[in-house]
Amino acid sequence: MLRGYGREWQKARRFFLKRHPWCVRCKEKGRLVPATVVDHIKPHRGDEKLFWDETNWQPLCKSCHDHKTMTEDRDIEYKY
């Protein structure tokens, strides 16, 4: 399992998805698709504070998350 994505993250993820059950990107397009992934809006790149910042989380379906990861997150480099 990836660093940081242990039991504590799984618990936080489940609770977040219960409160935010719909994919925000699909909802913007007028579709109600269940969210299955808690996405970090700004990739945390190992920054623990950013990792746990719920204002940096958004609910996405797997398809939207995979698309975001491949198009938006892949070449961005953050320096801390």
PDB file of N, CA and C in Angstrom:
ATOM      1  N   MET A   1       0.843  -1.182   0.000  1.00  0.00           N
ATOM      2  CA  MET A   1       0.000   0.000   0.000  1.00  0.00           C
ATOM      3  C   MET A   1       0.890   1.249   0.000  1.00  0.00           C
ATOM      4  N   LEU A   2       0.456   2.265  -0.731  1.00  0.00           N
ATOM      5  CA  LEU A   2       1.238   3.490  -0.809  1.00  0.00           C
ATOM      6  C   LEU A   2       1.370   4.144   0.552  1.00  0.00           C
ATOM      7  N   ARG A   3       2.451   4.813   0.744  1.00  0.00           N
ATOM      8  CA  ARG A   3       2.701   5.503   2.001  1.00  0.00           C
ATOM      9  C   ARG A   3       1.596   6.521   2.262  1.00  0.00           C
ATOM     10  N   GLY A   4       1.031   6.473   3.457  1.00  0.00           N
ATOM     11  CA  GLY A   4      -0.033   7.397   3.820  1.00  0.00           C
ATOM     12  C   GLY A   4      -1.427   6.863   3.547  1.00  0.00           C
ATOM     13  N   TYR A   5      -1.536   5.817   2.710  1.00  0.00           N
ATOM     14  CA  TYR A   5      -2.840   5.287   2.344  1.00  0.00           C
ATOM     15  C   TYR A   5      -3.204   4.057   3.167  1.00  0.00           C
ATOM     16  N   GLY A   6      -2.948   4.104   4.443  1.00  0.00           N
ATOM     17  CA  GLY A   6      -3.227   2.979   5.326  1.00  0.00           C
ATOM     18  C   GLY A   6      -4.622   3.035   5.919  1.00  0.00           C
ATOM     19  N   ARG A   7      -4.772   2.427   7.070  1.00  0.00           N
ATOM     20  CA  ARG A   7      -6.064   2.301   7.738  1.00  0.00           C
ATOM     21  C   ARG A   7      -6.702   3.661   8.033  1.00  0.00           C
ATOM     22  N   GLU A   8      -5.907   4.606   8.485  1.00  0.00           N
ATOM     23  CA  GLU A   8      -6.436   5.930   8.819  1.00  0.00           C
ATOM     24  C   GLU A   8      -7.017   6.610   7.574  1.00  0.00           C
ATOM     25  N   TRP A   9      -6.305   6.479   6.446  1.00  0.00           N
ATOM     26  CA  TRP A   9      -6.800   7.061   5.189  1.00  0.00           C
ATOM     27  C   TRP A   9      -8.087   6.368   4.744  1.00  0.00           C
ATOM     28  N   GLN A  10      -8.142   5.029   4.843  1.00  0.00           N
ATOM     29  CA  GLN A  10      -9.340   4.299   4.424  1.00  0.00           C
ATOM     30  C   GLN A  10     -10.561   4.741   5.226  1.00  0.00           C
ATOM     31  N   LYS A  11     -10.365   4.970   6.502  1.00  0.00           N
ATOM     32  CA  LYS A  11     -11.452   5.427   7.365  1.00  0.00           C
ATOM     33  C   LYS A  11     -11.897   6.834   6.957  1.00  0.00           C
ATOM     34  N   ALA A  12     -10.948   7.739   6.746  1.00  0.00           N
ATOM     35  CA  ALA A  12     -11.253   9.114   6.337  1.00  0.00           C
ATOM     36  C   ALA A  12     -11.935   9.114   4.966  1.00  0.00           C
ATOM     37  N   ARG A  13     -11.457   8.276   4.068  1.00  0.00           N
ATOM     38  CA  ARG A  13     -12.014   8.162   2.718  1.00  0.00           C
ATOM     39  C   ARG A  13     -13.474   7.724   2.771  1.00  0.00           C
ATOM     40  N   ARG A  14     -13.751   6.678   3.527  1.00  0.00           N
ATOM     41  CA  ARG A  14     -15.133   6.179   3.646  1.00  0.00           C
ATOM     42  C   ARG A  14     -16.054   7.267   4.189  1.00  0.00           C
ATOM     43  N   PHE A  15     -15.616   7.956   5.230  1.00  0.00           N
ATOM     44  CA  PHE A  15     -16.428   9.009   5.847  1.00  0.00           C
ATOM     45  C   PHE A  15     -16.660  10.150   4.858  1.00  0.00           C
ATOM     46  N   PHE A  16     -15.628  10.544   4.114  1.00  0.00           N
ATOM     47  CA  PHE A  16     -15.738  11.623   3.134  1.00  0.00           C
ATOM     48  C   PHE A  16     -16.729  11.244   2.031  1.00  0.00           C
ATOM     49  N   LEU A  17     -16.632  10.015   1.525  1.00  0.00           N
ATOM     50  CA  LEU A  17     -17.528   9.579   0.444  1.00  0.00           C
ATOM     51  C   LEU A  17     -18.974   9.429   0.920  1.00  0.00           C
ATOM     52  N   LYS A  18     -19.185   9.141   2.198  1.00  0.00           N
ATOM     53  CA  LYS A  18     -20.550   9.105   2.737  1.00  0.00           C
ATOM     54  C   LYS A  18     -21.158  10.512   2.713  1.00  0.00           C
ATOM     55  N   ARG A  19     -20.331  11.506   2.993  1.00  0.00           N
ATOM     56  CA  ARG A  19     -20.807  12.898   2.995  1.00  0.00           C
ATOM     57  C   ARG A  19     -20.859  13.505   1.598  1.00  0.00           C
ATOM     58  N   HIS A  20     -20.072  12.957   0.672  1.00  0.00           N
ATOM     59  CA  HIS A  20     -19.981  13.479  -0.703  1.00  0.00           C
ATOM     60  C   HIS A  20     -20.069  12.300  -1.667  1.00  0.00           C
ATOM     61  N   PRO A  21     -21.288  11.770  -1.887  1.00  0.00           N
ATOM     62  CA  PRO A  21     -21.427  10.510  -2.627  1.00  0.00           C
ATOM     63  C   PRO A  21     -21.343  10.613  -4.152  1.00  0.00           C
ATOM     64  N   TRP A  22     -21.364  11.817  -4.717  1.00  0.00           N
ATOM     65  CA  TRP A  22     -21.422  11.954  -6.169  1.00  0.00           C
ATOM     66  C   TRP A  22     -20.148  12.536  -6.742  1.00  0.00           C
ATOM     67  N   CYS A  23     -19.763  12.041  -7.905  1.00  0.00           N
ATOM     68  CA  CYS A  23     -18.589  12.548  -8.632  1.00  0.00           C
ATOM     69  C   CYS A  23     -18.858  14.000  -9.029  1.00  0.00           C
ATOM     70  N   VAL A  24     -17.986  14.905  -8.604  1.00  0.00           N
ATOM     71  CA  VAL A  24     -18.206  16.327  -8.884  1.00  0.00           C
ATOM     72  C   VAL A  24     -18.067  16.657 -10.368  1.00  0.00           C
ATOM     73  N   ARG A  25     -17.207  15.970 -11.072  1.00  0.00           N
ATOM     74  CA  ARG A  25     -17.019  16.246 -12.506  1.00  0.00           C
ATOM     75  C   ARG A  25     -18.212  15.765 -13.327  1.00  0.00           C
ATOM     76  N   CYS A  26     -18.731  14.596 -13.009  1.00  0.00           N
ATOM     77  CA  CYS A  26     -19.920  14.099 -13.707  1.00  0.00           C
ATOM     78  C   CYS A  26     -21.124  14.982 -13.396  1.00  0.00           C
ATOM     79  N   LYS A  27     -21.227  15.411 -12.134  1.00  0.00           N
ATOM     80  CA  LYS A  27     -22.344  16.261 -11.705  1.00  0.00           C
ATOM     81  C   LYS A  27     -22.349  17.578 -12.481  1.00  0.00           C
ATOM     82  N   GLU A  28     -21.151  18.120 -12.759  1.00  0.00           N
ATOM     83  CA  GLU A  28     -21.048  19.347 -13.548  1.00  0.00           C
ATOM     84  C   GLU A  28     -21.610  19.155 -14.958  1.00  0.00           C
ATOM     85  N   LYS A  29     -21.603  17.905 -15.436  1.00  0.00           N
ATOM     86  CA  LYS A  29     -22.118  17.585 -16.773  1.00  0.00           C
ATOM     87  C   LYS A  29     -23.565  17.104 -16.720  1.00  0.00           C
ATOM     88  N   GLY A  30     -24.188  17.218 -15.548  1.00  0.00           N
ATOM     89  CA  GLY A  30     -25.586  16.840 -15.411  1.00  0.00           C
ATOM     90  C   GLY A  30     -25.834  15.363 -15.186  1.00  0.00           C
ATOM     91  N   ARG A  31     -24.787  14.613 -14.818  1.00  0.00           N
ATOM     92  CA  ARG A  31     -24.931  13.166 -14.570  1.00  0.00           C
ATOM     93  C   ARG A  31     -24.669  12.884 -13.097  1.00  0.00           C
ATOM     94  N   LEU A  32     -25.469  11.993 -12.523  1.00  0.00           N
ATOM     95  CA  LEU A  32     -25.235  11.565 -11.144  1.00  0.00           C
ATOM     96  C   LEU A  32     -24.533  10.212 -11.175  1.00  0.00           C
ATOM     97  N   VAL A  33     -23.246  10.237 -10.921  1.00  0.00           N
ATOM     98  CA  VAL A  33     -22.435   9.023 -10.922  1.00  0.00           C
ATOM     99  C   VAL A  33     -21.806   8.885  -9.532  1.00  0.00           C
ATOM    100  N   PRO A  34     -21.939   7.740  -8.904  1.00  0.00           N
ATOM    101  CA  PRO A  34     -21.355   7.556  -7.572  1.00  0.00           C
ATOM    102  C   PRO A  34     -19.842   7.775  -7.576  1.00  0.00           C
ATOM    103  N   ALA A  35     -19.377   8.506  -6.587  1.00  0.00           N
ATOM    104  CA  ALA A  35     -17.938   8.711  -6.398  1.00  0.00           C
ATOM    105  C   ALA A  35     -17.366   7.489  -5.691  1.00  0.00           C
ATOM    106  N   THR A  36     -16.209   7.053  -6.144  1.00  0.00           N
ATOM    107  CA  THR A  36     -15.536   5.914  -5.516  1.00  0.00           C
ATOM    108  C   THR A  36     -14.117   6.264  -5.094  1.00  0.00           C
ATOM    109  N   VAL A  37     -13.660   7.456  -5.484  1.00  0.00           N
ATOM    110  CA  VAL A  37     -12.280   7.880  -5.220  1.00  0.00           C
ATOM    111  C   VAL A  37     -12.293   9.244  -4.554  1.00  0.00           C
ATOM    112  N   VAL A  38     -11.465   9.399  -3.523  1.00  0.00           N
ATOM    113  CA  VAL A  38     -11.226  10.725  -2.957  1.00  0.00           C
ATOM    114  C   VAL A  38      -9.941  11.230  -3.598  1.00  0.00           C
ATOM    115  N   ASP A  39     -10.100  12.243  -4.436  1.00  0.00           N
ATOM    116  CA  ASP A  39      -8.981  12.792  -5.191  1.00  0.00           C
ATOM    117  C   ASP A  39      -8.382  13.984  -4.456  1.00  0.00           C
ATOM    118  N   HIS A  40      -7.061  14.089  -4.522  1.00  0.00           N
ATOM    119  CA  HIS A  40      -6.388  15.285  -4.027  1.00  0.00           C
ATOM    120  C   HIS A  40      -6.369  16.277  -5.184  1.00  0.00           C
ATOM    121  N   ILE A  41      -7.087  17.388  -5.039  1.00  0.00           N
ATOM    122  CA  ILE A  41      -7.219  18.375  -6.108  1.00  0.00           C
ATOM    123  C   ILE A  41      -5.841  18.827  -6.566  1.00  0.00           C
ATOM    124  N   LYS A  42      -5.043  19.248  -5.614  1.00  0.00           N
ATOM    125  CA  LYS A  42      -3.638  19.566  -5.879  1.00  0.00           C
ATOM    126  C   LYS A  42      -2.843  18.355  -5.394  1.00  0.00           C
ATOM    127  N   PRO A  43      -2.133  17.658  -6.284  1.00  0.00           N
ATOM    128  CA  PRO A  43      -1.384  16.469  -5.855  1.00  0.00           C
ATOM    129  C   PRO A  43      -0.476  16.774  -4.661  1.00  0.00           C
ATOM    130  N   HIS A  44      -0.522  15.917  -3.663  1.00  0.00           N
ATOM    131  CA  HIS A  44       0.224  16.170  -2.427  1.00  0.00           C
ATOM    132  C   HIS A  44       1.711  15.879  -2.556  1.00  0.00           C
ATOM    133  N   ARG A  45       2.101  15.015  -3.467  1.00  0.00           N
ATOM    134  CA  ARG A  45       3.519  14.690  -3.698  1.00  0.00           C
ATOM    135  C   ARG A  45       4.290  14.415  -2.399  1.00  0.00           C
ATOM    136  N   GLY A  46       3.602  13.755  -1.454  1.00  0.00           N
ATOM    137  CA  GLY A  46       4.256  13.392  -0.204  1.00  0.00           C
ATOM    138  C   GLY A  46       4.138  14.430   0.903  1.00  0.00           C
ATOM    139  N   ASP A  47       3.546  15.581   0.610  1.00  0.00           N
ATOM    140  CA  ASP A  47       3.347  16.626   1.620  1.00  0.00           C
ATOM    141  C   ASP A  47       2.199  16.196   2.529  1.00  0.00           C
ATOM    142  N   GLU A  48       2.524  15.797   3.748  1.00  0.00           N
ATOM    143  CA  GLU A  48       1.530  15.248   4.667  1.00  0.00           C
ATOM    144  C   GLU A  48       0.426  16.245   5.001  1.00  0.00           C
ATOM    145  N   LYS A  49       0.779  17.514   5.160  1.00  0.00           N
ATOM    146  CA  LYS A  49      -0.226  18.531   5.476  1.00  0.00           C
ATOM    147  C   LYS A  49      -1.236  18.647   4.330  1.00  0.00           C
ATOM    148  N   LEU A  50      -0.760  18.667   3.094  1.00  0.00           N
ATOM    149  CA  LEU A  50      -1.634  18.751   1.927  1.00  0.00           C
ATOM    150  C   LEU A  50      -2.435  17.459   1.759  1.00  0.00           C
ATOM    151  N   PHE A  51      -1.826  16.327   2.073  1.00  0.00           N
ATOM    152  CA  PHE A  51      -2.491  15.028   1.992  1.00  0.00           C
ATOM    153  C   PHE A  51      -3.752  15.002   2.854  1.00  0.00           C
ATOM    154  N   TRP A  52      -3.660  15.504   4.091  1.00  0.00           N
ATOM    155  CA  TRP A  52      -4.771  15.426   5.041  1.00  0.00           C
ATOM    156  C   TRP A  52      -5.681  16.644   5.015  1.00  0.00           C
ATOM    157  N   ASP A  53      -5.427  17.620   4.173  1.00  0.00           N
ATOM    158  CA  ASP A  53      -6.247  18.829   4.074  1.00  0.00           C
ATOM    159  C   ASP A  53      -7.530  18.518   3.300  1.00  0.00           C
ATOM    160  N   GLU A  54      -8.652  18.412   4.018  1.00  0.00           N
ATOM    161  CA  GLU A  54      -9.919  18.048   3.368  1.00  0.00           C
ATOM    162  C   GLU A  54     -10.378  19.083   2.352  1.00  0.00           C
ATOM    163  N   THR A  55      -9.915  20.315   2.446  1.00  0.00           N
ATOM    164  CA  THR A  55     -10.278  21.309   1.437  1.00  0.00           C
ATOM    165  C   THR A  55      -9.584  21.001   0.112  1.00  0.00           C
ATOM    166  N   ASN A  56      -8.630  20.087   0.126  1.00  0.00           N
ATOM    167  CA  ASN A  56      -7.916  19.659  -1.074  1.00  0.00           C
ATOM    168  C   ASN A  56      -8.467  18.333  -1.613  1.00  0.00           C
ATOM    169  N   TRP A  57      -9.572  17.859  -1.064  1.00  0.00           N
ATOM    170  CA  TRP A  57     -10.167  16.595  -1.491  1.00  0.00           C
ATOM    171  C   TRP A  57     -11.406  16.858  -2.334  1.00  0.00           C
ATOM    172  N   GLN A  58     -11.650  15.975  -3.302  1.00  0.00           N
ATOM    173  CA  GLN A  58     -12.892  16.020  -4.059  1.00  0.00           C
ATOM    174  C   GLN A  58     -13.315  14.595  -4.393  1.00  0.00           C
ATOM    175  N   PRO A  59     -14.632  14.357  -4.412  1.00  0.00           N
ATOM    176  CA  PRO A  59     -15.125  13.022  -4.752  1.00  0.00           C
ATOM    177  C   PRO A  59     -15.183  12.858  -6.270  1.00  0.00           C
ATOM    178  N   LEU A  60     -14.600  11.771  -6.777  1.00  0.00           N
ATOM    179  CA  LEU A  60     -14.618  11.475  -8.206  1.00  0.00           C
ATOM    180  C   LEU A  60     -14.961  10.008  -8.431  1.00  0.00           C
ATOM    181  N   CYS A  61     -15.515   9.712  -9.602  1.00  0.00           N
ATOM    182  CA  CYS A  61     -15.652   8.316 -10.008  1.00  0.00           C
ATOM    183  C   CYS A  61     -14.273   7.873 -10.519  1.00  0.00           C
ATOM    184  N   LYS A  62     -14.062   6.594 -10.645  1.00  0.00           N
ATOM    185  CA  LYS A  62     -12.752   6.092 -11.077  1.00  0.00           C
ATOM    186  C   LYS A  62     -12.378   6.623 -12.455  1.00  0.00           C
ATOM    187  N   SER A  63     -13.346   6.689 -13.354  1.00  0.00           N
ATOM    188  CA  SER A  63     -13.082   7.163 -14.709  1.00  0.00           C
ATOM    189  C   SER A  63     -12.580   8.612 -14.714  1.00  0.00           C
ATOM    190  N   CYS A  64     -13.253   9.488 -13.978  1.00  0.00           N
ATOM    191  CA  CYS A  64     -12.829  10.892 -13.905  1.00  0.00           C
ATOM    192  C   CYS A  64     -11.476  11.015 -13.200  1.00  0.00           C
ATOM    193  N   HIS A  65     -11.261  10.219 -12.164  1.00  0.00           N
ATOM    194  CA  HIS A  65      -9.992  10.262 -11.448  1.00  0.00           C
ATOM    195  C   HIS A  65      -8.846   9.825 -12.359  1.00  0.00           C
ATOM    196  N   ASP A  66      -9.043   8.737 -13.086  1.00  0.00           N
ATOM    197  CA  ASP A  66      -7.998   8.247 -13.992  1.00  0.00           C
ATOM    198  C   ASP A  66      -7.691   9.282 -15.072  1.00  0.00           C
ATOM    199  N   HIS A  67      -8.730   9.902 -15.609  1.00  0.00           N
ATOM    200  CA  HIS A  67      -8.537  10.918 -16.644  1.00  0.00           C
ATOM    201  C   HIS A  67      -7.778  12.120 -16.084  1.00  0.00           C
ATOM    202  N   LYS A  68      -8.152  12.579 -14.887  1.00  0.00           N
ATOM    203  CA  LYS A  68      -7.473  13.716 -14.259  1.00  0.00           C
ATOM    204  C   LYS A  68      -6.009  13.385 -14.011  1.00  0.00           C
ATOM    205  N   THR A  69      -5.752  12.208 -13.500  1.00  0.00           N
ATOM    206  CA  THR A  69      -4.382  11.797 -13.194  1.00  0.00           C
ATOM    207  C   THR A  69      -3.519  11.780 -14.457  1.00  0.00           C
ATOM    208  N   MET A  70      -4.067  11.270 -15.540  1.00  0.00           N
ATOM    209  CA  MET A  70      -3.294  11.151 -16.783  1.00  0.00           C
ATOM    210  C   MET A  70      -3.131  12.480 -17.519  1.00  0.00           C
ATOM    211  N   THR A  71      -4.076  13.403 -17.351  1.00  0.00           N
ATOM    212  CA  THR A  71      -4.002  14.645 -18.130  1.00  0.00           C
ATOM    213  C   THR A  71      -3.530  15.846 -17.322  1.00  0.00           C
ATOM    214  N   GLU A  72      -3.979  15.953 -16.084  1.00  0.00           N
ATOM    215  CA  GLU A  72      -3.692  17.157 -15.302  1.00  0.00           C
ATOM    216  C   GLU A  72      -2.553  16.989 -14.307  1.00  0.00           C
ATOM    217  N   ASP A  73      -2.419  15.814 -13.725  1.00  0.00           N
ATOM    218  CA  ASP A  73      -1.494  15.635 -12.603  1.00  0.00           C
ATOM    219  C   ASP A  73      -0.126  15.098 -13.007  1.00  0.00           C
ATOM    220  N   ARG A  74      -0.009  14.545 -14.193  1.00  0.00           N
ATOM    221  CA  ARG A  74       1.197  13.766 -14.502  1.00  0.00           C
ATOM    222  C   ARG A  74       2.472  14.576 -14.621  1.00  0.00           C
ATOM    223  N   ASP A  75       2.447  15.774 -15.178  1.00  0.00           N
ATOM    224  CA  ASP A  75       3.683  16.522 -15.407  1.00  0.00           C
ATOM    225  C   ASP A  75       3.873  17.707 -14.469  1.00  0.00           C
ATOM    226  N   ILE A  76       2.984  17.839 -13.492  1.00  0.00           N
ATOM    227  CA  ILE A  76       3.103  18.954 -12.566  1.00  0.00           C
ATOM    228  C   ILE A  76       4.138  18.610 -11.502  1.00  0.00           C
ATOM    229  N   GLU A  77       5.041  19.536 -11.269  1.00  0.00           N
ATOM    230  CA  GLU A  77       6.041  19.313 -10.229  1.00  0.00           C
ATOM    231  C   GLU A  77       5.856  20.357  -9.138  1.00  0.00           C
ATOM    232  N   TYR A  78       5.639  19.901  -7.929  1.00  0.00           N
ATOM    233  CA  TYR A  78       5.482  20.793  -6.792  1.00  0.00           C
ATOM    234  C   TYR A  78       6.735  20.705  -5.940  1.00  0.00           C
ATOM    235  N   LYS A  79       7.172  21.839  -5.462  1.00  0.00           N
ATOM    236  CA  LYS A  79       8.346  21.861  -4.586  1.00  0.00           C
ATOM    237  C   LYS A  79       7.932  22.415  -3.234  1.00  0.00           C
ATOM    238  N   TYR A  80       8.389  21.726  -2.190  1.00  0.00           N
ATOM    239  CA  TYR A  80       8.053  22.157  -0.831  1.00  0.00           C
ATOM    240  C   TYR A  80       9.318  22.497  -0.093  1.00  0.00           C
TER     241      TYR A  80
END
